[in-house]
Amino acid sequence: MYLVYAAVFLLTIILIDLAARFYYGRKALHLLENLPSFHVEKPLPQKQAVPFEFQSSGQVTLRGSIYYPDEMPPLGVILFCPETSSNHWSAVNYAQGLIDNGFIVVSFDFRNQGESDSTSGYQPMHWVSEYEVDDLRAAVGWIRNQEAFQDLPLGLLGISRGAATALTAMDSLSGIELIALDSGYTNDLLISHYMQRWVNVVVPGLLLKYYPRSQMRKTLDLAIAYSQYKRNCKYVITSDFFEGLRGKKILLIAGAKDSYVPLPITRELKKMLGESCSDLWVVPQASHNGARALQPQEYDRRLVSFFRQMVVQPAPSPVSGGVTASVVPVVQQSGGQTLATNMNEK
């Protein structure tokens, strides 16, 4: 008889646990997939931009625009990664100071965003998936294959999910030493933030007191797995990419009033980045992605100063030296496709 009572009691505990996992798992899923509304005003196409396109994994065509500095030799190339709810035209909202000070800015749309093609069944969100990482690597590869850019240093500027993608992919981006991140995060840090929020807001105090946190994390993991299944993707949930930071320098920009990526997340990120991140600029009163809107001159000054570190200073010319060739970016049309080329003037 005691065995029957024990079996019934055990079965009851299992059923309660399964019911709790299902109930709270649905609430956790809602928090994971509740994409904040940022009310981003979509920028208009820019006349001075040069359109381009390239192929990413799965033969998906990605599109973007290139901005050249006026009447000056380029100092370097900055690859711009936009936020989730915007597009590649938003580069001028953040990188205009770089363009005005001699940098070429290459901006592109990730798949299923802006003017780029879509992967069937994929529903992108603010979480970084393997698709965004593939697209960023493909963009870097395209730049490196352009003759006009081969002798120029390459840096990276990311906004929100674009910044998170840059963080996720940076261990495999060899040759890129300087990375600026505005409102950046990692999936791991943001999920931990959501877990704390989920636990404190959704779970009753009595259950919170006696239910193991490890079991709550497993419930959240189930919600993450289901979200990946629904959206036909795989989120990148790991911190291993911080192991590939040797030789890289990172600038973090954060808004003090950012409710989506709260400042404690940014401070924890800086701690994880270690010596690679010696500069965190917290902008008072700024919301998510709002630093330049509030302090445009200081924003531009900091970006230009940061990326000038990658510019190689020319060696002094011999007293009897001759004339050196200058590199000027031009656009050449070939077979209906826009290409970036160089023209050497002697």
Protein backbone atom coordinates (compact mmCIF):
# COMPACT_ATOMS: atom_id res chain seq x y z
CA MET A 1 0.00 0.00 0.00
CA TYR A 2 2.82 2.38 0.88
CA LEU A 3 4.34 1.75 -2.55
CA VAL A 4 1.03 2.75 -4.19
CA TYR A 5 0.90 5.97 -2.16
CA ALA A 6 4.52 6.71 -3.04
CA ALA A 7 3.86 6.07 -6.74
CA VAL A 8 0.77 8.32 -6.73
CA PHE A 9 2.69 11.04 -4.91
CA LEU A 10 5.61 10.81 -7.37
CA LEU A 11 3.25 10.88 -10.35
CA THR A 12 1.47 13.91 -8.92
CA ILE A 13 4.78 15.75 -8.50
CA ILE A 14 5.75 14.91 -12.10
CA LEU A 15 2.41 16.11 -13.47
CA ILE A 16 2.62 19.35 -11.48
CA ASP A 17 6.17 19.89 -12.74
CA LEU A 18 5.12 19.28 -16.36
CA ALA A 19 2.12 21.59 -16.00
CA ALA A 20 4.32 24.30 -14.48
CA ARG A 21 6.89 23.92 -17.25
CA PHE A 22 4.17 24.22 -19.91
CA TYR A 23 2.47 27.20 -18.26
CA TYR A 24 5.60 29.16 -17.44
CA GLY A 25 7.32 28.05 -20.63
CA ARG A 26 4.59 29.79 -22.64
CA LYS A 27 5.06 32.96 -20.61
CA ALA A 28 8.83 32.76 -21.10
CA LEU A 29 8.29 32.31 -24.84
CA HIS A 30 6.16 35.46 -24.90
CA LEU A 31 8.96 37.42 -23.21
CA LEU A 32 11.55 36.01 -25.62
CA GLU A 33 9.55 36.89 -28.71
CA ASN A 34 8.16 40.21 -27.55
CA LEU A 35 10.08 42.43 -29.96
CA PRO A 36 10.20 45.98 -28.55
CA SER A 37 8.77 48.73 -30.71
CA PHE A 38 11.50 51.29 -31.30
CA HIS A 39 9.53 53.48 -33.74
CA VAL A 40 12.56 53.73 -36.01
CA GLU A 41 12.03 56.17 -38.86
CA LYS A 42 13.21 54.43 -42.02
CA PRO A 43 15.81 56.62 -43.76
CA LEU A 44 15.41 57.48 -47.43
CA PRO A 45 17.86 56.29 -50.11
CA GLN A 46 20.91 58.52 -50.36
CA LYS A 47 21.88 59.93 -53.76
CA GLN A 48 25.60 59.86 -53.02
CA ALA A 49 25.56 56.14 -52.18
CA VAL A 50 26.79 53.47 -54.59
CA PRO A 51 24.58 50.34 -54.57
CA PHE A 52 26.14 46.89 -54.47
CA GLU A 53 25.14 43.27 -53.87
CA PHE A 54 26.80 39.98 -52.97
CA GLN A 55 25.98 36.38 -52.12
CA SER A 56 25.73 34.89 -48.63
CA SER A 57 25.20 31.30 -47.50
CA GLY A 58 22.32 29.50 -49.17
CA GLN A 59 22.85 31.65 -52.30
CA VAL A 60 20.92 34.50 -50.69
CA THR A 61 21.57 37.86 -52.34
CA LEU A 62 22.29 40.69 -49.91
CA ARG A 63 22.22 44.36 -50.93
CA GLY A 64 23.66 47.55 -49.55
CA SER A 65 25.29 50.88 -50.29
CA ILE A 66 28.79 52.36 -50.27
CA TYR A 67 29.60 55.92 -49.15
CA TYR A 68 32.84 57.53 -50.30
CA PRO A 69 34.46 60.59 -48.68
CA ASP A 70 34.48 63.71 -50.82
CA GLU A 71 37.70 64.93 -52.41
CA MET A 72 40.12 63.07 -50.18
CA PRO A 73 41.99 59.76 -50.30
CA PRO A 74 40.20 57.19 -48.11
CA LEU A 75 41.74 56.37 -44.76
CA GLY A 76 40.01 53.03 -44.35
CA VAL A 77 36.81 51.07 -44.77
CA ILE A 78 34.11 50.77 -42.10
CA LEU A 79 31.55 47.98 -42.45
CA PHE A 80 28.24 49.15 -41.00
CA CYS A 81 25.77 46.62 -39.52
CA PRO A 82 22.26 48.11 -39.00
CA GLU A 83 19.76 47.45 -36.26
CA THR A 84 16.87 44.99 -36.66
CA SER A 85 14.09 47.46 -37.44
CA SER A 86 16.03 49.62 -39.88
CA ASN A 87 18.01 49.10 -43.11
CA HIS A 88 21.33 49.83 -44.78
CA TRP A 89 20.36 53.43 -45.57
CA SER A 90 20.57 54.17 -41.83
CA ALA A 91 24.38 54.30 -42.10
CA VAL A 92 24.19 58.09 -42.49
CA ASN A 93 22.37 58.32 -39.14
CA TYR A 94 25.40 56.92 -37.32
CA ALA A 95 28.45 57.01 -39.60
CA GLN A 96 28.18 60.40 -41.34
CA GLY A 97 31.05 61.73 -39.24
CA LEU A 98 33.27 58.90 -40.49
CA ILE A 99 32.37 59.65 -44.12
CA ASP A 100 33.06 63.36 -43.63
CA ASN A 101 36.48 62.55 -42.16
CA GLY A 102 37.85 60.30 -44.88
CA PHE A 103 36.44 56.82 -44.28
CA ILE A 104 34.57 54.69 -46.79
CA VAL A 105 31.43 53.26 -45.19
CA VAL A 106 29.99 50.01 -46.56
CA SER A 107 26.48 49.29 -45.30
CA PHE A 108 24.35 46.23 -46.00
CA ASP A 109 21.06 44.59 -45.08
CA PHE A 110 21.06 41.18 -43.43
CA ARG A 111 18.82 38.58 -45.05
CA ASN A 112 15.07 39.06 -44.50
CA GLN A 113 15.75 42.75 -43.90
CA GLY A 114 15.51 45.88 -46.03
CA GLU A 115 16.39 45.30 -49.69
CA SER A 116 18.14 41.95 -49.25
CA ASP A 117 16.56 38.66 -50.28
CA SER A 118 14.88 36.38 -47.76
CA THR A 119 15.41 32.84 -46.59
CA SER A 120 12.13 30.97 -46.77
CA GLY A 121 10.60 30.19 -43.38
CA TYR A 122 13.04 32.33 -41.41
CA GLN A 123 11.48 34.95 -39.13
CA PRO A 124 14.27 37.21 -37.79
CA MET A 125 14.09 38.89 -34.41
CA HIS A 126 16.43 40.76 -32.09
CA TRP A 127 18.21 37.49 -31.27
CA VAL A 128 21.35 36.83 -33.31
CA SER A 129 21.05 33.65 -35.34
CA GLU A 130 23.61 31.79 -37.41
CA TYR A 131 22.13 33.49 -40.48
CA GLU A 132 23.27 36.96 -39.38
CA VAL A 133 26.73 35.63 -38.55
CA ASP A 134 26.98 34.04 -42.02
CA ASP A 135 25.86 37.29 -43.65
CA LEU A 136 28.44 39.37 -41.79
CA ARG A 137 31.22 36.99 -42.74
CA ALA A 138 30.07 37.13 -46.37
CA ALA A 139 30.10 40.95 -46.26
CA VAL A 140 33.67 40.97 -44.92
CA GLY A 141 34.67 38.50 -47.62
CA TRP A 142 33.13 40.69 -50.34
CA ILE A 143 35.04 43.75 -49.12
CA ARG A 144 38.32 41.85 -49.05
CA ASN A 145 37.77 40.71 -52.64
CA GLN A 146 37.39 44.28 -53.94
CA GLU A 147 40.58 45.59 -55.49
CA ALA A 148 39.74 49.14 -54.42
CA PHE A 149 39.67 48.15 -50.74
CA GLN A 150 42.53 45.68 -50.50
CA ASP A 151 45.15 48.18 -49.31
CA LEU A 152 42.82 49.85 -46.79
CA PRO A 153 42.35 48.84 -43.14
CA LEU A 154 38.91 47.49 -42.24
CA GLY A 155 36.87 48.32 -39.15
CA LEU A 156 33.39 47.44 -37.95
CA LEU A 157 30.50 49.56 -36.62
CA GLY A 158 27.36 47.81 -35.39
CA ILE A 159 24.08 49.08 -33.98
CA SER A 160 21.93 47.00 -31.59
CA ARG A 161 21.50 43.56 -33.23
CA GLY A 162 24.15 44.60 -35.75
CA ALA A 163 26.49 45.18 -32.81
CA ALA A 164 25.47 41.86 -31.25
CA THR A 165 26.21 40.11 -34.55
CA ALA A 166 29.63 41.74 -34.70
CA LEU A 167 30.36 40.52 -31.16
CA THR A 168 29.23 37.02 -32.04
CA ALA A 169 31.29 36.80 -35.22
CA MET A 170 34.41 38.66 -34.18
CA ASP A 171 36.45 35.60 -33.21
CA SER A 172 36.37 34.51 -36.86
CA LEU A 173 36.96 37.97 -38.37
CA SER A 174 40.71 37.96 -38.75
CA GLY A 175 42.38 41.20 -39.74
CA ILE A 176 39.68 43.40 -38.17
CA GLU A 177 41.21 45.04 -35.13
CA LEU A 178 38.78 47.87 -34.32
CA ILE A 179 35.09 47.32 -33.58
CA ALA A 180 32.66 50.01 -32.37
CA LEU A 181 29.41 48.80 -30.80
CA ASP A 182 26.41 51.04 -30.13
CA SER A 183 23.77 49.50 -27.82
CA GLY A 184 25.42 46.10 -28.18
CA TYR A 185 24.69 42.89 -26.31
CA THR A 186 25.01 39.12 -26.60
CA ASN A 187 22.20 36.60 -26.68
CA ASP A 188 23.56 35.10 -23.46
CA LEU A 189 23.52 38.36 -21.51
CA LEU A 190 20.10 39.40 -22.77
CA ILE A 191 18.58 35.97 -22.08
CA SER A 192 19.97 36.08 -18.54
CA HIS A 193 18.33 39.49 -18.15
CA TYR A 194 15.03 38.11 -19.43
CA MET A 195 15.28 35.13 -17.12
CA GLN A 196 15.64 37.41 -14.10
CA ARG A 197 12.73 39.50 -15.33
CA TRP A 198 10.66 36.39 -16.04
CA VAL A 199 11.36 34.92 -12.62
CA ASN A 200 10.56 38.10 -10.71
CA VAL A 201 7.48 39.12 -12.69
CA VAL A 202 5.85 35.84 -13.71
CA VAL A 203 6.71 33.26 -11.04
CA PRO A 204 4.81 33.53 -7.71
CA GLY A 205 6.90 34.22 -4.64
CA LEU A 206 6.15 30.85 -3.01
CA LEU A 207 7.17 28.90 -6.10
CA LEU A 208 10.21 31.15 -6.54
CA LYS A 209 11.28 30.28 -3.02
CA TYR A 210 11.14 26.51 -3.36
CA TYR A 211 11.54 25.78 -7.10
CA PRO A 212 15.21 25.30 -8.11
CA ARG A 213 16.64 27.99 -10.40
CA SER A 214 18.26 25.27 -12.48
CA GLN A 215 14.80 23.92 -13.33
CA MET A 216 13.63 27.42 -14.25
CA ARG A 217 16.58 27.74 -16.61
CA LYS A 218 15.64 24.41 -18.22
CA THR A 219 12.13 25.73 -18.75
CA LEU A 220 13.56 28.81 -20.42
CA ASP A 221 15.82 26.61 -22.57
CA LEU A 222 12.74 24.74 -23.77
CA ALA A 223 11.13 28.05 -24.70
CA ILE A 224 14.28 29.03 -26.62
CA ALA A 225 14.31 25.70 -28.46
CA TYR A 226 10.65 26.11 -29.44
CA SER A 227 11.29 29.69 -30.61
CA GLN A 228 14.13 28.45 -32.84
CA TYR A 229 11.85 25.76 -34.26
CA LYS A 230 9.08 28.28 -35.00
CA ARG A 231 11.45 30.69 -36.72
CA ASN A 232 13.49 28.11 -38.63
CA CYS A 233 16.85 29.20 -37.25
CA LYS A 234 19.43 28.57 -34.57
CA TYR A 235 20.28 31.31 -32.08
CA VAL A 236 23.95 31.71 -31.21
CA ILE A 237 24.03 31.15 -27.45
CA THR A 238 27.63 30.95 -26.35
CA SER A 239 30.37 33.15 -24.94
CA ASP A 240 33.21 31.24 -26.59
CA PHE A 241 33.74 34.04 -29.13
CA PHE A 242 35.37 36.15 -26.40
CA GLU A 243 38.36 33.81 -26.64
CA GLY A 244 39.29 35.31 -30.03
CA LEU A 245 39.84 38.87 -28.85
CA ARG A 246 43.61 39.04 -28.88
CA GLY A 247 44.75 42.10 -30.80
CA LYS A 248 41.27 43.64 -31.10
CA LYS A 249 40.11 46.97 -29.68
CA ILE A 250 36.46 47.58 -28.88
CA LEU A 251 34.54 50.79 -28.24
CA LEU A 252 31.22 50.42 -26.39
CA ILE A 253 28.54 53.12 -26.60
CA ALA A 254 25.49 52.90 -24.35
CA GLY A 255 22.52 55.05 -23.43
CA ALA A 256 21.99 55.68 -19.73
CA LYS A 257 18.22 55.43 -20.26
CA ASP A 258 18.30 52.32 -22.47
CA SER A 259 15.43 50.12 -21.25
CA TYR A 260 16.02 47.40 -23.83
CA VAL A 261 19.73 46.82 -23.14
CA PRO A 262 20.03 48.18 -19.60
CA LEU A 263 23.33 49.66 -18.52
CA PRO A 264 24.20 46.72 -16.18
CA ILE A 265 24.28 44.48 -19.28
CA THR A 266 26.72 46.83 -20.99
CA ARG A 267 28.93 47.01 -17.90
CA GLU A 268 28.96 43.22 -17.66
CA LEU A 269 29.85 43.05 -21.34
CA LYS A 270 32.77 45.41 -20.81
CA LYS A 271 33.97 43.20 -17.96
CA MET A 272 33.77 40.11 -20.16
CA LEU A 273 35.67 41.84 -22.97
CA GLY A 274 38.53 42.58 -20.59
CA GLU A 275 41.55 44.47 -21.88
CA SER A 276 40.10 44.58 -25.40
CA CYS A 277 37.54 47.15 -24.22
CA SER A 278 39.17 50.08 -22.49
CA ASP A 279 36.50 52.60 -23.52
CA LEU A 280 32.83 52.63 -22.51
CA TRP A 281 30.97 55.83 -23.31
CA VAL A 282 27.68 56.15 -21.43
CA VAL A 283 25.51 58.94 -22.88
CA PRO A 284 23.27 60.61 -20.26
CA GLN A 285 19.54 60.65 -21.07
CA ALA A 286 20.06 58.54 -24.21
CA SER A 287 17.69 55.68 -24.96
CA HIS A 288 18.38 52.59 -27.07
CA ASN A 289 20.42 53.59 -30.16
CA GLY A 290 19.88 57.23 -29.21
CA ALA A 291 23.43 58.39 -28.43
CA ARG A 292 24.12 60.24 -31.68
CA ALA A 293 20.70 61.86 -31.74
CA LEU A 294 21.52 63.54 -28.42
CA GLN A 295 25.23 64.22 -28.85
CA PRO A 296 26.06 64.13 -32.59
CA GLN A 297 29.33 66.08 -32.42
CA GLU A 298 30.78 64.06 -29.55
CA TYR A 299 29.53 60.82 -31.13
CA ASP A 300 31.32 61.64 -34.40
CA ARG A 301 34.48 62.80 -32.60
CA ARG A 302 34.75 59.58 -30.63
CA LEU A 303 34.14 57.34 -33.65
CA VAL A 304 36.63 59.18 -35.84
CA SER A 305 39.26 59.19 -33.07
CA PHE A 306 38.70 55.48 -32.44
CA PHE A 307 38.96 54.35 -36.06
CA ARG A 308 41.93 56.60 -36.82
CA GLN A 309 43.93 54.14 -34.72
CA MET A 310 43.83 51.67 -37.59
CA VAL A 311 45.19 54.14 -40.16
CA VAL A 312 48.79 53.38 -41.03
CA GLN A 313 50.81 56.57 -41.15
CA PRO A 314 52.85 56.91 -44.37
CA ALA A 315 56.60 56.67 -44.06
CA PRO A 316 58.51 59.95 -44.53
CA SER A 317 59.39 60.58 -48.20
CA PRO A 318 63.09 60.70 -49.13
CA VAL A 319 64.48 64.15 -49.80
CA SER A 320 65.07 63.25 -53.42
CA GLY A 321 61.92 61.19 -53.71
CA GLY A 322 59.68 61.24 -56.74
CA VAL A 323 55.93 61.43 -57.12
CA THR A 324 53.80 58.80 -55.36
CA ALA A 325 50.52 57.46 -56.70
CA SER A 326 47.30 58.42 -54.96
CA VAL A 327 44.31 56.12 -54.71
CA VAL A 328 40.92 57.57 -55.57
CA PRO A 329 37.74 55.48 -55.39
CA VAL A 330 35.57 55.51 -58.50
CA VAL A 331 32.64 53.45 -59.69
CA GLN A 332 32.77 51.35 -62.80
CA GLN A 333 29.82 49.59 -64.36
CA SER A 334 30.48 46.11 -65.69
CA GLY A 335 27.78 43.90 -67.07
CA GLY A 336 25.07 45.81 -65.25
CA GLN A 337 26.67 45.18 -61.85
CA THR A 338 28.15 47.94 -59.73
CA LEU A 339 31.74 47.34 -58.72
CA ALA A 340 34.22 49.28 -56.62
CA THR A 341 37.55 49.90 -58.38
CA ASN A 342 40.67 52.00 -58.04
CA MET A 343 42.12 54.61 -60.35
CA ASN A 344 45.80 55.47 -59.92
CA GLU A 345 46.82 58.98 -60.95
CA LYS A 346 50.44 59.75 -61.50
